[in-house]
C-alpha cells in the first residue's frame, strides 16, 4: 500500500454488498452492534467461524479477506 493511501474496510464493504447492517444482523442472528464492532475492527478475527462463513456467502467476499489474511 502506498503512503497516505487509506485501506479499504473489507468487512464494511462486505456488509454493504450483503444488504446492510440490519439485514446482515437478521440473517446471521446477531445484534447490529456486533456488526458495527466487526466493521470498527476492520476484520472478523474475533468472530465465530460460522458468522465469517455466512457473511462470505452473503457478500461474495472470500473468508481470507474478511479475516485479514488476504492482504
PDB file of N, CA and C in Angstrom:
ATOM      1  N   UNK A   1       0.853  -1.173   0.000  1.00  0.00           N
ATOM      2  CA  UNK A   1       0.000   0.000   0.000  1.00  0.00           C
ATOM      3  C   UNK A   1       0.899   1.236   0.000  1.00  0.00           C
ATOM      4  N   UNK A   2       0.503   2.201  -0.755  1.00  0.00           N
ATOM      5  CA  UNK A   2       1.279   3.434  -0.855  1.00  0.00           C
ATOM      6  C   UNK A   2       1.065   4.317   0.361  1.00  0.00           C
ATOM      7  N   UNK A   3       2.053   5.101   0.606  1.00  0.00           N
ATOM      8  CA  UNK A   3       1.991   6.033   1.728  1.00  0.00           C
ATOM      9  C   UNK A   3       0.843   7.016   1.537  1.00  0.00           C
ATOM     10  N   UNK A   4       0.052   7.217   2.594  1.00  0.00           N
ATOM     11  CA  UNK A   4      -1.049   8.155   2.528  1.00  0.00           C
ATOM     12  C   UNK A   4      -2.335   7.558   1.973  1.00  0.00           C
ATOM     13  N   UNK A   5      -2.266   6.325   1.501  1.00  0.00           N
ATOM     14  CA  UNK A   5      -3.441   5.667   0.959  1.00  0.00           C
ATOM     15  C   UNK A   5      -4.233   5.028   2.082  1.00  0.00           C
ATOM     16  N   UNK A   6      -5.541   5.156   2.021  1.00  0.00           N
ATOM     17  CA  UNK A   6      -6.399   4.532   3.024  1.00  0.00           C
ATOM     18  C   UNK A   6      -6.653   3.085   2.638  1.00  0.00           C
ATOM     19  N   UNK A   7      -6.714   2.243   3.644  1.00  0.00           N
ATOM     20  CA  UNK A   7      -7.008   0.833   3.436  1.00  0.00           C
ATOM     21  C   UNK A   7      -8.525   0.642   3.413  1.00  0.00           C
ATOM     22  N   UNK A   8      -9.028  -0.125   2.481  1.00  0.00           N
ATOM     23  CA  UNK A   8     -10.453  -0.397   2.381  1.00  0.00           C
ATOM     24  C   UNK A   8     -10.900  -1.277   3.544  1.00  0.00           C
ATOM     25  N   UNK A   9     -12.007  -0.906   4.155  1.00  0.00           N
ATOM     26  CA  UNK A   9     -12.574  -1.732   5.211  1.00  0.00           C
ATOM     27  C   UNK A   9     -13.367  -2.850   4.534  1.00  0.00           C
ATOM     28  N   UNK A  10     -12.752  -4.019   4.453  1.00  0.00           N
ATOM     29  CA  UNK A  10     -13.337  -5.143   3.728  1.00  0.00           C
ATOM     30  C   UNK A  10     -14.627  -5.608   4.402  1.00  0.00           C
ATOM     31  N   UNK A  11     -14.665  -5.608   5.718  1.00  0.00           N
ATOM     32  CA  UNK A  11     -15.874  -6.040   6.421  1.00  0.00           C
ATOM     33  C   UNK A  11     -17.021  -5.074   6.123  1.00  0.00           C
ATOM     34  N   UNK A  12     -16.748  -3.788   6.180  1.00  0.00           N
ATOM     35  CA  UNK A  12     -17.767  -2.796   5.866  1.00  0.00           C
ATOM     36  C   UNK A  12     -18.287  -2.959   4.447  1.00  0.00           C
ATOM     37  N   UNK A  13     -17.377  -3.198   3.506  1.00  0.00           N
ATOM     38  CA  UNK A  13     -17.773  -3.399   2.115  1.00  0.00           C
ATOM     39  C   UNK A  13     -18.611  -4.670   1.970  1.00  0.00           C
ATOM     40  N   UNK A  14     -18.228  -5.729   2.665  1.00  0.00           N
ATOM     41  CA  UNK A  14     -18.981  -6.987   2.603  1.00  0.00           C
ATOM     42  C   UNK A  14     -20.389  -6.805   3.151  1.00  0.00           C
ATOM     43  N   UNK A  15     -20.519  -6.046   4.228  1.00  0.00           N
ATOM     44  CA  UNK A  15     -21.841  -5.794   4.816  1.00  0.00           C
ATOM     45  C   UNK A  15     -22.719  -5.037   3.821  1.00  0.00           C
ATOM     46  N   UNK A  16     -22.150  -4.049   3.159  1.00  0.00           N
ATOM     47  CA  UNK A  16     -22.911  -3.294   2.156  1.00  0.00           C
ATOM     48  C   UNK A  16     -23.348  -4.224   1.020  1.00  0.00           C
ATOM     49  N   UNK A  17     -22.427  -5.042   0.531  1.00  0.00           N
ATOM     50  CA  UNK A  17     -22.752  -5.977  -0.548  1.00  0.00           C
ATOM     51  C   UNK A  17     -23.841  -6.972  -0.145  1.00  0.00           C
ATOM     52  N   UNK A  18     -23.873  -7.326   1.139  1.00  0.00           N
ATOM     53  CA  UNK A  18     -24.841  -8.311   1.634  1.00  0.00           C
ATOM     54  C   UNK A  18     -26.191  -7.692   1.975  1.00  0.00           C
ATOM     55  N   UNK A  19     -26.317  -6.371   1.866  1.00  0.00           N
ATOM     56  CA  UNK A  19     -27.621  -5.746   2.082  1.00  0.00           C
ATOM     57  C   UNK A  19     -27.705  -4.782   3.240  1.00  0.00           C
ATOM     58  N   UNK A  20     -26.612  -4.534   3.923  1.00  0.00           N
ATOM     59  CA  UNK A  20     -26.606  -3.562   5.007  1.00  0.00           C
ATOM     60  C   UNK A  20     -26.582  -4.198   6.388  1.00  0.00           C
ATOM     61  N   UNK A  21     -26.334  -3.358   7.370  1.00  0.00           N
ATOM     62  CA  UNK A  21     -26.156  -3.815   8.749  1.00  0.00           C
ATOM     63  C   UNK A  21     -27.380  -4.555   9.272  1.00  0.00           C
ATOM     64  N   UNK A  22     -28.560  -3.976   9.126  1.00  0.00           N
ATOM     65  CA  UNK A  22     -29.770  -4.602   9.678  1.00  0.00           C
ATOM     66  C   UNK A  22     -30.043  -5.958   9.043  1.00  0.00           C
ATOM     67  N   UNK A  23     -29.908  -6.051   7.718  1.00  0.00           N
ATOM     68  CA  UNK A  23     -30.162  -7.319   7.031  1.00  0.00           C
ATOM     69  C   UNK A  23     -29.155  -8.377   7.444  1.00  0.00           C
ATOM     70  N   UNK A  24     -27.891  -8.012   7.504  1.00  0.00           N
ATOM     71  CA  UNK A  24     -26.855  -8.966   7.883  1.00  0.00           C
ATOM     72  C   UNK A  24     -27.068  -9.435   9.326  1.00  0.00           C
ATOM     73  N   UNK A  25     -27.393  -8.505  10.210  1.00  0.00           N
ATOM     74  CA  UNK A  25     -27.641  -8.878  11.607  1.00  0.00           C
ATOM     75  C   UNK A  25     -28.801  -9.880  11.698  1.00  0.00           C
ATOM     76  N   UNK A  26     -29.874  -9.629  10.952  1.00  0.00           N
ATOM     77  CA  UNK A  26     -31.014 -10.568  10.937  1.00  0.00           C
ATOM     78  C   UNK A  26     -30.609 -11.918  10.368  1.00  0.00           C
ATOM     79  N   UNK A  27     -29.924 -11.893   9.223  1.00  0.00           N
ATOM     80  CA  UNK A  27     -29.532 -13.134   8.562  1.00  0.00           C
ATOM     81  C   UNK A  27     -28.578 -13.979   9.403  1.00  0.00           C
ATOM     82  N   UNK A  28     -27.679 -13.322  10.124  1.00  0.00           N
ATOM     83  CA  UNK A  28     -26.698 -14.038  10.943  1.00  0.00           C
ATOM     84  C   UNK A  28     -27.165 -14.263  12.376  1.00  0.00           C
ATOM     85  N   UNK A  29     -28.334 -13.674  12.691  1.00  0.00           N
ATOM     86  CA  UNK A  29     -28.901 -13.768  14.041  1.00  0.00           C
ATOM     87  C   UNK A  29     -27.938 -13.267  15.114  1.00  0.00           C
ATOM     88  N   UNK A  30     -27.378 -12.079  14.825  1.00  0.00           N
ATOM     89  CA  UNK A  30     -26.536 -11.368  15.783  1.00  0.00           C
ATOM     90  C   UNK A  30     -27.077  -9.946  15.901  1.00  0.00           C
ATOM     91  N   UNK A  31     -26.591  -9.206  16.881  1.00  0.00           N
ATOM     92  CA  UNK A  31     -27.058  -7.830  17.044  1.00  0.00           C
ATOM     93  C   UNK A  31     -26.407  -6.912  16.012  1.00  0.00           C
ATOM     94  N   UNK A  32     -27.061  -5.787  15.760  1.00  0.00           N
ATOM     95  CA  UNK A  32     -26.462  -4.788  14.875  1.00  0.00           C
ATOM     96  C   UNK A  32     -25.152  -4.295  15.460  1.00  0.00           C
ATOM     97  N   UNK A  33     -25.089  -4.203  16.788  1.00  0.00           N
ATOM     98  CA  UNK A  33     -23.851  -3.752  17.433  1.00  0.00           C
ATOM     99  C   UNK A  33     -22.695  -4.694  17.124  1.00  0.00           C
ATOM    100  N   UNK A  34     -22.977  -5.985  17.045  1.00  0.00           N
ATOM    101  CA  UNK A  34     -21.939  -6.944  16.678  1.00  0.00           C
ATOM    102  C   UNK A  34     -21.394  -6.635  15.295  1.00  0.00           C
ATOM    103  N   UNK A  35     -22.280  -6.338  14.360  1.00  0.00           N
ATOM    104  CA  UNK A  35     -21.852  -5.993  13.005  1.00  0.00           C
ATOM    105  C   UNK A  35     -21.000  -4.729  13.030  1.00  0.00           C
ATOM    106  N   UNK A  36     -21.458  -3.709  13.771  1.00  0.00           N
ATOM    107  CA  UNK A  36     -20.678  -2.468  13.871  1.00  0.00           C
ATOM    108  C   UNK A  36     -19.313  -2.718  14.516  1.00  0.00           C
ATOM    109  N   UNK A  37     -19.242  -3.629  15.476  1.00  0.00           N
ATOM    110  CA  UNK A  37     -17.955  -3.962  16.101  1.00  0.00           C
ATOM    111  C   UNK A  37     -17.000  -4.584  15.086  1.00  0.00           C
ATOM    112  N   UNK A  38     -17.516  -5.478  14.238  1.00  0.00           N
ATOM    113  CA  UNK A  38     -16.677  -6.069  13.191  1.00  0.00           C
ATOM    114  C   UNK A  38     -16.183  -5.005  12.233  1.00  0.00           C
ATOM    115  N   UNK A  39     -17.063  -4.105  11.848  1.00  0.00           N
ATOM    116  CA  UNK A  39     -16.677  -3.033  10.919  1.00  0.00           C
ATOM    117  C   UNK A  39     -15.608  -2.146  11.563  1.00  0.00           C
ATOM    118  N   UNK A  40     -15.794  -1.793  12.832  1.00  0.00           N
ATOM    119  CA  UNK A  40     -14.818  -0.955  13.534  1.00  0.00           C
ATOM    120  C   UNK A  40     -13.461  -1.640  13.627  1.00  0.00           C
ATOM    121  N   UNK A  41     -13.460  -2.954  13.824  1.00  0.00           N
ATOM    122  CA  UNK A  41     -12.205  -3.707  13.913  1.00  0.00           C
ATOM    123  C   UNK A  41     -11.526  -3.811  12.548  1.00  0.00           C
ATOM    124  N   UNK A  42     -12.320  -3.791  11.485  1.00  0.00           N
ATOM    125  CA  UNK A  42     -11.767  -3.901  10.143  1.00  0.00           C
ATOM    126  C   UNK A  42     -11.533  -5.327   9.693  1.00  0.00           C
ATOM    127  N   UNK A  43     -11.783  -6.274  10.585  1.00  0.00           N
ATOM    128  CA  UNK A  43     -11.682  -7.688  10.220  1.00  0.00           C
ATOM    129  C   UNK A  43     -12.586  -8.487  11.160  1.00  0.00           C
ATOM    130  N   UNK A  44     -12.684  -9.766  10.906  1.00  0.00           N
ATOM    131  CA  UNK A  44     -13.569 -10.621  11.702  1.00  0.00           C
ATOM    132  C   UNK A  44     -12.775 -11.679  12.468  1.00  0.00           C
ATOM    133  N   UNK A  45     -11.545 -11.355  12.827  1.00  0.00           N
ATOM    134  CA  UNK A  45     -10.678 -12.319  13.510  1.00  0.00           C
ATOM    135  C   UNK A  45     -11.282 -12.842  14.815  1.00  0.00           C
ATOM    136  N   UNK A  46     -12.098 -12.056  15.491  1.00  0.00           N
ATOM    137  CA  UNK A  46     -12.677 -12.486  16.766  1.00  0.00           C
ATOM    138  C   UNK A  46     -14.103 -13.000  16.623  1.00  0.00           C
ATOM    139  N   UNK A  47     -14.577 -13.107  15.393  1.00  0.00           N
ATOM    140  CA  UNK A  47     -15.943 -13.581  15.143  1.00  0.00           C
ATOM    141  C   UNK A  47     -15.962 -15.111  15.090  1.00  0.00           C
ATOM    142  N   UNK A  48     -17.152 -15.676  15.287  1.00  0.00           N
ATOM    143  CA  UNK A  48     -17.313 -17.125  15.152  1.00  0.00           C
ATOM    144  C   UNK A  48     -17.131 -17.485  13.677  1.00  0.00           C
ATOM    145  N   UNK A  49     -16.547 -18.638  13.432  1.00  0.00           N
ATOM    146  CA  UNK A  49     -16.302 -19.052  12.052  1.00  0.00           C
ATOM    147  C   UNK A  49     -17.603 -19.145  11.264  1.00  0.00           C
ATOM    148  N   UNK A  50     -18.678 -19.604  11.893  1.00  0.00           N
ATOM    149  CA  UNK A  50     -19.952 -19.728  11.171  1.00  0.00           C
ATOM    150  C   UNK A  50     -20.442 -18.354  10.707  1.00  0.00           C
ATOM    151  N   UNK A  51     -20.165 -17.292  11.468  1.00  0.00           N
ATOM    152  CA  UNK A  51     -20.557 -15.940  11.060  1.00  0.00           C
ATOM    153  C   UNK A  51     -19.678 -15.424   9.922  1.00  0.00           C
ATOM    154  N   UNK A  52     -18.398 -15.744   9.983  1.00  0.00           N
ATOM    155  CA  UNK A  52     -17.479 -15.349   8.906  1.00  0.00           C
ATOM    156  C   UNK A  52     -17.903 -16.027   7.606  1.00  0.00           C
ATOM    157  N   UNK A  53     -18.171 -17.316   7.686  1.00  0.00           N
ATOM    158  CA  UNK A  53     -18.582 -18.071   6.506  1.00  0.00           C
ATOM    159  C   UNK A  53     -19.909 -17.557   5.956  1.00  0.00           C
ATOM    160  N   UNK A  54     -20.854 -17.255   6.849  1.00  0.00           N
ATOM    161  CA  UNK A  54     -22.160 -16.755   6.400  1.00  0.00           C
ATOM    162  C   UNK A  54     -22.031 -15.402   5.707  1.00  0.00           C
ATOM    163  N   UNK A  55     -21.236 -14.490   6.265  1.00  0.00           N
ATOM    164  CA  UNK A  55     -21.054 -13.186   5.618  1.00  0.00           C
ATOM    165  C   UNK A  55     -20.338 -13.353   4.280  1.00  0.00           C
ATOM    166  N   UNK A  56     -19.406 -14.267   4.220  1.00  0.00           N
ATOM    167  CA  UNK A  56     -18.721 -14.538   2.960  1.00  0.00           C
ATOM    168  C   UNK A  56     -19.711 -15.008   1.902  1.00  0.00           C
ATOM    169  N   UNK A  57     -20.598 -15.897   2.277  1.00  0.00           N
ATOM    170  CA  UNK A  57     -21.590 -16.409   1.328  1.00  0.00           C
ATOM    171  C   UNK A  57     -22.585 -15.326   0.909  1.00  0.00           C
ATOM    172  N   UNK A  58     -22.993 -14.490   1.850  1.00  0.00           N
ATOM    173  CA  UNK A  58     -23.952 -13.422   1.542  1.00  0.00           C
ATOM    174  C   UNK A  58     -23.352 -12.342   0.643  1.00  0.00           C
ATOM    175  N   UNK A  59     -22.067 -12.066   0.837  1.00  0.00           N
ATOM    176  CA  UNK A  59     -21.444 -10.932   0.157  1.00  0.00           C
ATOM    177  C   UNK A  59     -20.584 -11.315  -1.044  1.00  0.00           C
ATOM    178  N   UNK A  60     -20.116 -12.546  -1.073  1.00  0.00           N
ATOM    179  CA  UNK A  60     -19.191 -12.957  -2.121  1.00  0.00           C
ATOM    180  C   UNK A  60     -17.738 -12.612  -1.820  1.00  0.00           C
ATOM    181  N   UNK A  61     -17.486 -12.065  -0.638  1.00  0.00           N
ATOM    182  CA  UNK A  61     -16.124 -11.715  -0.229  1.00  0.00           C
ATOM    183  C   UNK A  61     -15.489 -12.957   0.402  1.00  0.00           C
ATOM    184  N   UNK A  62     -14.310 -13.360  -0.054  1.00  0.00           N
ATOM    185  CA  UNK A  62     -13.678 -14.567   0.483  1.00  0.00           C
ATOM    186  C   UNK A  62     -13.385 -14.479   1.987  1.00  0.00           C
ATOM    187  N   UNK A  63     -13.451 -15.619   2.646  1.00  0.00           N
ATOM    188  CA  UNK A  63     -13.189 -15.703   4.088  1.00  0.00           C
ATOM    189  C   UNK A  63     -11.831 -15.110   4.418  1.00  0.00           C
ATOM    190  N   UNK A  64     -10.814 -15.416   3.626  1.00  0.00           N
ATOM    191  CA  UNK A  64      -9.458 -14.928   3.922  1.00  0.00           C
ATOM    192  C   UNK A  64      -9.383 -13.398   3.921  1.00  0.00           C
ATOM    193  N   UNK A  65     -10.228 -12.751   3.115  1.00  0.00           N
ATOM    194  CA  UNK A  65     -10.267 -11.289   3.103  1.00  0.00           C
ATOM    195  C   UNK A  65     -10.958 -10.762   4.358  1.00  0.00           C
ATOM    196  N   UNK A  66     -12.043 -11.435   4.778  1.00  0.00           N
ATOM    197  CA  UNK A  66     -12.786 -10.991   5.954  1.00  0.00           C
ATOM    198  C   UNK A  66     -11.972 -11.115   7.236  1.00  0.00           C
ATOM    199  N   UNK A  67     -11.068 -12.082   7.265  1.00  0.00           N
ATOM    200  CA  UNK A  67     -10.262 -12.279   8.462  1.00  0.00           C
ATOM    201  C   UNK A  67      -8.959 -11.501   8.417  1.00  0.00           C
ATOM    202  N   UNK A  68      -8.698 -10.810   7.312  1.00  0.00           N
ATOM    203  CA  UNK A  68      -7.483 -10.007   7.205  1.00  0.00           C
ATOM    204  C   UNK A  68      -6.285 -10.788   6.711  1.00  0.00           C
ATOM    205  N   UNK A  69      -6.492 -12.052   6.349  1.00  0.00           N
ATOM    206  CA  UNK A  69      -5.384 -12.889   5.883  1.00  0.00           C
ATOM    207  C   UNK A  69      -5.094 -12.714   4.408  1.00  0.00           C
ATOM    208  N   UNK A  70      -5.984 -12.047   3.692  1.00  0.00           N
ATOM    209  CA  UNK A  70      -5.832 -11.905   2.252  1.00  0.00           C
ATOM    210  C   UNK A  70      -5.211 -10.609   1.809  1.00  0.00           C
ATOM    211  N   UNK A  71      -4.469  -9.950   2.672  1.00  0.00           N
ATOM    212  CA  UNK A  71      -3.877  -8.652   2.330  1.00  0.00           C
ATOM    213  C   UNK A  71      -2.739  -8.789   1.359  1.00  0.00           C
TER     214      UNK A  71
END
